[in-house]
Amino acid sequence: MYKDFIVLALGLCVLVFAADQFLNGTSRLAERFKIPKVLVGALLVGFGTSAPELAASITAVFQQETGGVELAVGNVVGSNVANLGLVLALPILIWGNVVPPRGTKEQAGYSLMGALLFSGVVYLKLNSAIGGVLLLLVFCLTNYLIFLHFKKTGVTPLQSSRKHNWPVSREIIVMLVGLTLTILSPRWIVSSAVSIGNEFGWEGGFIGFSLVAIGTSLPELVTSLVGARRGEWGLIIGNLFGSNLFNSLGVGSAILLSHSGLGRLSEQPFMDGSVLLGMCLICLVAFWSMRKPVEIPKWNALLLLFLYALLFWQMVRTLTG
């Protein structure tokens, strides 16, 4: 177990460096090409930082079959609630003065819709192939609608006084190196977290919700904390809601389609219904907080943090019960 803790610590160090470089690259490129940072966060950073969830979930499904599906679903649910209950709430509590940029309400709404659809498919135990195709189609549709929304409204890009001394090619290289390390380093974190969880005899769903979800959400957490220190709130918020949309619909569809390929049915639910309901409630609170372009009260962040703690406690009850 000591080796797993060492790997976990090293993975965190690499992740902090990688997330900082990735945020630098995307932020500077957005300024150079006058792209709204909230759009960059939703369609690029959100997807990039959700890649660990995708890799961990697919690996779990094929390696552990039904038990792996429980871990993968727990990973999606845990990542979604961690993104809002921790990654969004903590920077607001620490720095405050957060005003959602234009377009955030629509992103939060799509994220809520994705969570509701994913929860419905999982809770109703819809046929894996049908459910996977449904989530994939809605995923493609929502991202197309997000793109059209920003194109139609013409959201004004954030301006910066920073001088751009590096050529564009170097900016792109920095962004790609940061993205690559951001995607790869959580594999070490997740692997060590699963080994630690197994030592304590935890079930797949709880490991996915707790250790794996927190491990795969670390890119979002580090990116958000680094971005909050620099006031990059458009990039942060777009990242989180884009990540949750990708988790619910993109990763969710991959899990179900992979499970359908195994040709095995599960008689047990993949996730407790109360936890799925709690995830939808957190998404609803986040949507409510983003409905107007005014400063987000800190009590909203406290409510998100409280709901996350409540869900974690419910998962512990499910494990011990």
Protein backbone atom coordinates (compact mmCIF):
# COMPACT_ATOMS: atom_id res chain seq x y z
CA MET A 1 0.00 0.00 0.00
CA TYR A 2 2.93 2.37 0.66
CA LYS A 3 3.93 2.07 -2.99
CA ASP A 4 0.41 3.07 -4.03
CA PHE A 5 0.58 6.19 -1.85
CA ILE A 6 3.93 7.15 -3.43
CA VAL A 7 2.53 6.70 -6.95
CA LEU A 8 -0.50 8.76 -5.94
CA ALA A 9 1.69 11.63 -4.70
CA LEU A 10 3.89 11.61 -7.83
CA GLY A 11 0.83 11.56 -10.05
CA LEU A 12 -0.54 14.62 -8.27
CA CYS A 13 2.72 16.54 -8.79
CA VAL A 14 2.74 15.79 -12.51
CA LEU A 15 -0.93 16.72 -12.75
CA VAL A 16 -0.46 20.14 -11.14
CA PHE A 17 2.29 21.02 -13.64
CA ALA A 18 0.36 19.64 -16.62
CA ALA A 19 -2.90 21.41 -15.78
CA ASP A 20 -1.08 24.73 -15.38
CA GLN A 21 0.59 24.40 -18.79
CA PHE A 22 -2.63 23.31 -20.47
CA LEU A 23 -4.56 26.24 -19.01
CA ASN A 24 -1.81 28.65 -20.09
CA GLY A 25 -1.85 27.37 -23.65
CA THR A 26 -5.61 27.36 -24.12
CA SER A 27 -6.04 30.75 -22.48
CA ARG A 28 -3.41 32.44 -24.65
CA LEU A 29 -4.73 30.82 -27.83
CA ALA A 30 -8.26 31.97 -26.98
CA GLU A 31 -6.99 35.54 -26.60
CA ARG A 32 -4.96 35.41 -29.82
CA PHE A 33 -7.86 34.21 -31.95
CA LYS A 34 -10.54 36.19 -30.05
CA ILE A 35 -12.43 33.03 -29.10
CA PRO A 36 -14.81 33.28 -26.11
CA LYS A 37 -13.09 31.51 -23.25
CA VAL A 38 -16.33 30.05 -21.96
CA LEU A 39 -16.69 28.32 -25.36
CA VAL A 40 -13.10 27.07 -25.21
CA GLY A 41 -13.77 25.73 -21.73
CA ALA A 42 -16.91 23.91 -22.80
CA LEU A 43 -15.74 22.32 -26.06
CA LEU A 44 -12.00 21.83 -25.50
CA VAL A 45 -10.90 21.99 -21.89
CA GLY A 46 -14.04 20.24 -20.64
CA PHE A 47 -13.55 17.32 -23.02
CA GLY A 48 -9.82 17.13 -22.45
CA THR A 49 -10.08 17.00 -18.68
CA SER A 50 -12.87 14.38 -18.92
CA ALA A 51 -10.72 12.01 -20.92
CA PRO A 52 -9.49 10.27 -17.70
CA GLU A 53 -13.10 9.39 -16.85
CA LEU A 54 -13.54 7.89 -20.30
CA ALA A 55 -10.31 5.88 -20.16
CA ALA A 56 -10.89 4.65 -16.61
CA SER A 57 -14.53 3.71 -17.28
CA ILE A 58 -13.92 1.76 -20.49
CA THR A 59 -10.99 -0.08 -18.94
CA ALA A 60 -13.09 -1.01 -15.91
CA VAL A 61 -15.97 -2.33 -18.05
CA PHE A 62 -13.78 -4.65 -20.12
CA GLN A 63 -11.58 -5.81 -17.25
CA GLN A 64 -14.23 -6.43 -14.60
CA GLU A 65 -17.42 -6.84 -16.69
CA THR A 66 -20.54 -6.20 -14.54
CA GLY A 67 -18.53 -5.10 -11.50
CA GLY A 68 -16.60 -2.80 -13.78
CA VAL A 69 -19.84 -1.22 -15.03
CA GLU A 70 -20.78 -0.41 -11.44
CA LEU A 71 -17.36 1.18 -10.94
CA ALA A 72 -17.69 3.10 -14.22
CA VAL A 73 -21.18 4.40 -13.43
CA GLY A 74 -19.99 5.35 -9.95
CA ASN A 75 -17.11 7.18 -11.58
CA VAL A 76 -19.47 9.24 -13.77
CA VAL A 77 -21.80 10.10 -10.90
CA GLY A 78 -18.95 10.83 -8.50
CA SER A 79 -17.11 12.98 -11.05
CA ASN A 80 -20.23 15.01 -11.83
CA VAL A 81 -20.99 15.78 -8.20
CA ALA A 82 -17.31 16.40 -7.40
CA ASN A 83 -17.07 18.88 -10.28
CA LEU A 84 -19.93 20.94 -8.87
CA GLY A 85 -19.75 20.17 -5.15
CA LEU A 86 -15.98 20.60 -4.88
CA VAL A 87 -14.36 21.99 -8.02
CA LEU A 88 -16.93 24.77 -8.54
CA ALA A 89 -17.79 25.40 -4.90
CA LEU A 90 -14.28 25.69 -3.46
CA PRO A 91 -12.96 28.47 -5.76
CA ILE A 92 -16.17 30.45 -5.18
CA LEU A 93 -15.75 30.12 -1.40
CA ILE A 94 -12.04 30.99 -1.52
CA TRP A 95 -11.97 33.84 -4.05
CA GLY A 96 -15.61 34.90 -4.49
CA ASN A 97 -16.74 37.70 -6.84
CA VAL A 98 -17.72 35.14 -9.50
CA VAL A 99 -20.07 36.40 -12.22
CA PRO A 100 -21.19 33.79 -14.78
CA PRO A 101 -20.36 34.91 -18.33
CA ARG A 102 -22.99 35.01 -21.05
CA GLY A 103 -23.92 31.57 -22.32
CA THR A 104 -23.37 29.89 -18.96
CA LYS A 105 -27.09 29.42 -18.31
CA GLU A 106 -27.45 27.41 -21.51
CA GLN A 107 -24.43 25.24 -20.70
CA ALA A 108 -25.71 24.58 -17.18
CA GLY A 109 -29.09 23.67 -18.63
CA TYR A 110 -27.58 21.17 -21.06
CA SER A 111 -25.50 19.71 -18.23
CA LEU A 112 -28.63 19.28 -16.10
CA MET A 113 -30.47 17.64 -19.00
CA GLY A 114 -27.56 15.24 -19.55
CA ALA A 115 -27.53 14.25 -15.88
CA LEU A 116 -31.30 13.64 -15.91
CA LEU A 117 -31.10 11.52 -19.05
CA PHE A 118 -28.14 9.49 -17.79
CA SER A 119 -29.86 8.90 -14.44
CA GLY A 120 -33.06 7.82 -16.16
CA VAL A 121 -31.29 5.35 -18.42
CA VAL A 122 -29.32 3.85 -15.52
CA TYR A 123 -32.22 3.76 -13.03
CA LEU A 124 -34.71 2.26 -15.50
CA LYS A 125 -32.05 -0.26 -16.61
CA LEU A 126 -32.73 0.52 -20.25
CA ASN A 127 -31.17 -1.94 -22.69
CA SER A 128 -27.46 -1.06 -22.79
CA ALA A 129 -27.25 -0.80 -26.59
CA ILE A 130 -30.39 1.35 -26.87
CA GLY A 131 -29.41 3.50 -23.91
CA GLY A 132 -25.88 3.97 -25.23
CA VAL A 133 -27.07 5.03 -28.69
CA LEU A 134 -29.63 7.41 -27.14
CA LEU A 135 -27.02 9.10 -24.96
CA LEU A 136 -24.61 9.37 -27.89
CA LEU A 137 -27.20 10.99 -30.16
CA VAL A 138 -28.22 13.51 -27.51
CA PHE A 139 -24.54 14.20 -26.80
CA CYS A 140 -23.88 15.11 -30.44
CA LEU A 141 -27.05 17.22 -30.60
CA THR A 142 -26.32 19.23 -27.47
CA ASN A 143 -22.78 20.08 -28.54
CA TYR A 144 -24.06 21.22 -31.92
CA LEU A 145 -26.64 23.41 -30.17
CA ILE A 146 -23.94 24.88 -27.89
CA PHE A 147 -21.83 25.75 -30.91
CA LEU A 148 -24.81 27.34 -32.68
CA HIS A 149 -25.69 29.34 -29.58
CA PHE A 150 -22.26 30.94 -29.33
CA LYS A 151 -22.15 31.53 -33.07
CA LYS A 152 -25.56 33.20 -33.00
CA THR A 153 -25.11 35.32 -29.90
CA GLY A 154 -21.54 36.30 -30.70
CA VAL A 155 -20.29 36.25 -27.11
CA THR A 156 -17.57 38.85 -26.69
CA PRO A 157 -14.18 37.27 -25.99
CA LEU A 158 -12.38 38.24 -22.83
CA GLN A 159 -9.55 40.67 -23.39
CA SER A 160 -6.15 40.56 -21.78
CA SER A 161 -3.22 42.96 -21.52
CA ARG A 162 -0.67 40.14 -21.65
CA LYS A 163 1.86 40.34 -24.47
CA HIS A 164 2.18 37.28 -26.68
CA ASN A 165 5.89 36.81 -27.32
CA TRP A 166 5.66 33.13 -28.25
CA PRO A 167 4.76 32.02 -31.79
CA VAL A 168 1.42 30.28 -32.24
CA SER A 169 3.15 26.95 -32.93
CA ARG A 170 4.85 27.05 -29.54
CA GLU A 171 1.57 27.91 -27.82
CA ILE A 172 -0.04 24.88 -29.46
CA ILE A 173 2.85 22.61 -28.41
CA VAL A 174 2.57 23.79 -24.80
CA MET A 175 -1.17 23.18 -24.85
CA LEU A 176 -0.80 19.68 -26.34
CA VAL A 177 1.97 18.66 -23.93
CA GLY A 178 -0.10 19.89 -21.00
CA LEU A 179 -3.19 18.09 -22.29
CA THR A 180 -1.27 14.83 -22.82
CA LEU A 181 0.19 14.85 -19.31
CA THR A 182 -3.19 15.87 -17.87
CA ILE A 183 -4.78 12.84 -19.50
CA LEU A 184 -2.02 10.34 -18.69
CA SER A 185 -1.14 11.25 -15.11
CA PRO A 186 -4.58 10.37 -13.64
CA ARG A 187 -4.05 6.79 -14.84
CA TRP A 188 -1.40 6.40 -12.16
CA ILE A 189 -3.62 8.14 -9.63
CA VAL A 190 -6.64 6.00 -10.46
CA SER A 191 -4.64 2.76 -10.47
CA SER A 192 -3.17 3.44 -7.04
CA ALA A 193 -6.55 4.61 -5.69
CA VAL A 194 -8.24 1.38 -6.82
CA SER A 195 -5.49 -0.70 -5.18
CA ILE A 196 -5.92 1.23 -1.92
CA GLY A 197 -9.70 0.77 -2.11
CA ASN A 198 -9.35 -2.95 -2.66
CA GLU A 199 -7.15 -3.21 0.42
CA PHE A 200 -10.08 -1.89 2.49
CA GLY A 201 -12.57 -4.23 0.83
CA TRP A 202 -14.67 -1.49 -0.81
CA GLU A 203 -17.16 -2.37 -3.55
CA GLY A 204 -16.80 -1.23 -7.17
CA GLY A 205 -19.54 1.41 -7.03
CA PHE A 206 -18.06 3.09 -3.96
CA ILE A 207 -14.52 2.96 -5.34
CA GLY A 208 -15.78 4.57 -8.54
CA PHE A 209 -17.76 7.27 -6.70
CA SER A 210 -15.02 8.13 -4.22
CA LEU A 211 -11.42 7.31 -5.05
CA VAL A 212 -11.66 6.96 -8.84
CA ALA A 213 -14.06 9.90 -9.28
CA ILE A 214 -11.94 12.21 -7.16
CA GLY A 215 -8.82 10.99 -8.96
CA THR A 216 -10.27 11.56 -12.42
CA SER A 217 -11.75 14.91 -11.31
CA LEU A 218 -8.36 16.19 -10.20
CA PRO A 219 -7.66 17.74 -13.64
CA GLU A 220 -10.82 19.84 -13.29
CA LEU A 221 -9.97 20.72 -9.68
CA VAL A 222 -6.39 21.76 -10.39
CA THR A 223 -7.36 23.60 -13.58
CA SER A 224 -10.08 25.47 -11.71
CA LEU A 225 -7.89 26.45 -8.77
CA VAL A 226 -5.12 27.63 -11.07
CA GLY A 227 -7.62 29.48 -13.26
CA ALA A 228 -9.42 31.05 -10.28
CA ARG A 229 -6.15 32.50 -9.05
CA ARG A 230 -5.87 34.25 -12.42
CA GLY A 231 -9.52 35.23 -12.70
CA GLU A 232 -10.22 32.91 -15.66
CA TRP A 233 -13.80 32.27 -14.55
CA GLY A 234 -15.21 31.89 -18.06
CA LEU A 235 -12.76 29.10 -18.79
CA ILE A 236 -13.41 27.44 -15.41
CA ILE A 237 -17.20 27.43 -15.62
CA GLY A 238 -17.22 26.33 -19.24
CA ASN A 239 -14.79 23.55 -18.34
CA LEU A 240 -16.96 22.19 -15.53
CA PHE A 241 -20.28 22.16 -17.32
CA GLY A 242 -18.66 20.88 -20.51
CA SER A 243 -16.98 18.15 -18.48
CA ASN A 244 -20.24 17.11 -16.82
CA LEU A 245 -22.03 17.03 -20.16
CA PHE A 246 -19.25 14.87 -21.57
CA ASN A 247 -19.36 12.59 -18.51
CA SER A 248 -23.13 12.04 -18.53
CA LEU A 249 -23.65 11.63 -22.27
CA GLY A 250 -20.25 10.86 -23.82
CA VAL A 251 -18.74 8.62 -21.14
CA GLY A 252 -22.19 7.27 -20.26
CA SER A 253 -22.82 6.16 -23.83
CA ALA A 254 -19.36 4.55 -24.02
CA ILE A 255 -20.03 2.59 -20.81
CA LEU A 256 -23.38 1.27 -21.98
CA LEU A 257 -22.22 0.43 -25.49
CA SER A 258 -19.17 -1.38 -24.08
CA HIS A 259 -21.38 -3.28 -21.66
CA SER A 260 -23.73 -4.29 -24.47
CA GLY A 261 -20.75 -5.71 -26.35
CA LEU A 262 -20.08 -8.10 -23.48
CA GLY A 263 -23.45 -9.76 -24.07
CA ARG A 264 -24.21 -10.05 -20.35
CA LEU A 265 -27.13 -8.60 -18.42
CA SER A 266 -27.02 -7.47 -14.81
CA GLU A 267 -29.86 -8.20 -12.41
CA GLN A 268 -28.64 -5.58 -9.94
CA PRO A 269 -28.90 -1.81 -10.45
CA PHE A 270 -25.63 -0.12 -11.38
CA MET A 271 -26.20 2.73 -8.90
CA ASP A 272 -28.46 3.48 -5.93
CA GLY A 273 -31.47 5.56 -7.02
CA SER A 274 -31.07 8.07 -4.17
CA VAL A 275 -27.52 8.85 -5.28
CA LEU A 276 -28.67 9.41 -8.87
CA LEU A 277 -31.39 11.73 -7.57
CA GLY A 278 -28.81 13.59 -5.51
CA MET A 279 -26.61 14.09 -8.58
CA CYS A 280 -29.56 15.63 -10.44
CA LEU A 281 -30.29 17.88 -7.45
CA ILE A 282 -26.72 19.20 -7.40
CA CYS A 283 -26.93 19.89 -11.14
CA LEU A 284 -30.22 21.74 -10.55
CA VAL A 285 -28.69 23.91 -7.82
CA ALA A 286 -25.74 24.71 -10.11
CA PHE A 287 -28.14 25.62 -12.93
CA TRP A 288 -30.08 27.88 -10.56
CA SER A 289 -26.84 29.62 -9.53
CA MET A 290 -25.93 30.33 -13.16
CA ARG A 291 -29.33 31.53 -14.38
CA LYS A 292 -28.41 35.25 -14.20
CA PRO A 293 -25.15 37.11 -14.98
CA VAL A 294 -24.79 38.38 -11.41
CA GLU A 295 -22.32 37.55 -8.66
CA ILE A 296 -22.86 34.04 -7.27
CA PRO A 297 -23.58 34.18 -3.51
CA LYS A 298 -21.22 32.12 -1.37
CA TRP A 299 -24.18 30.36 0.26
CA ASN A 300 -24.82 28.71 -3.13
CA ALA A 301 -21.33 27.24 -2.99
CA LEU A 302 -21.92 26.10 0.59
CA LEU A 303 -25.12 24.37 -0.51
CA LEU A 304 -23.26 22.55 -3.30
CA LEU A 305 -20.57 21.48 -0.85
CA PHE A 306 -23.19 20.28 1.66
CA LEU A 307 -25.02 18.24 -1.00
CA TYR A 308 -21.75 16.62 -2.05
CA ALA A 309 -21.01 15.65 1.56
CA LEU A 310 -24.55 14.30 1.93
CA LEU A 311 -24.19 12.12 -1.17
CA PHE A 312 -20.84 10.83 0.01
CA TRP A 313 -22.42 9.89 3.32
CA GLN A 314 -25.24 8.11 1.47
CA MET A 315 -22.68 6.09 -0.50
CA VAL A 316 -20.97 5.11 2.76
CA ARG A 317 -24.34 4.02 4.16
CA THR A 318 -24.96 1.95 1.04
CA LEU A 319 -21.54 0.34 1.43
CA THR A 320 -21.93 -0.51 5.12
CA GLY A 321 -25.62 -1.45 4.81
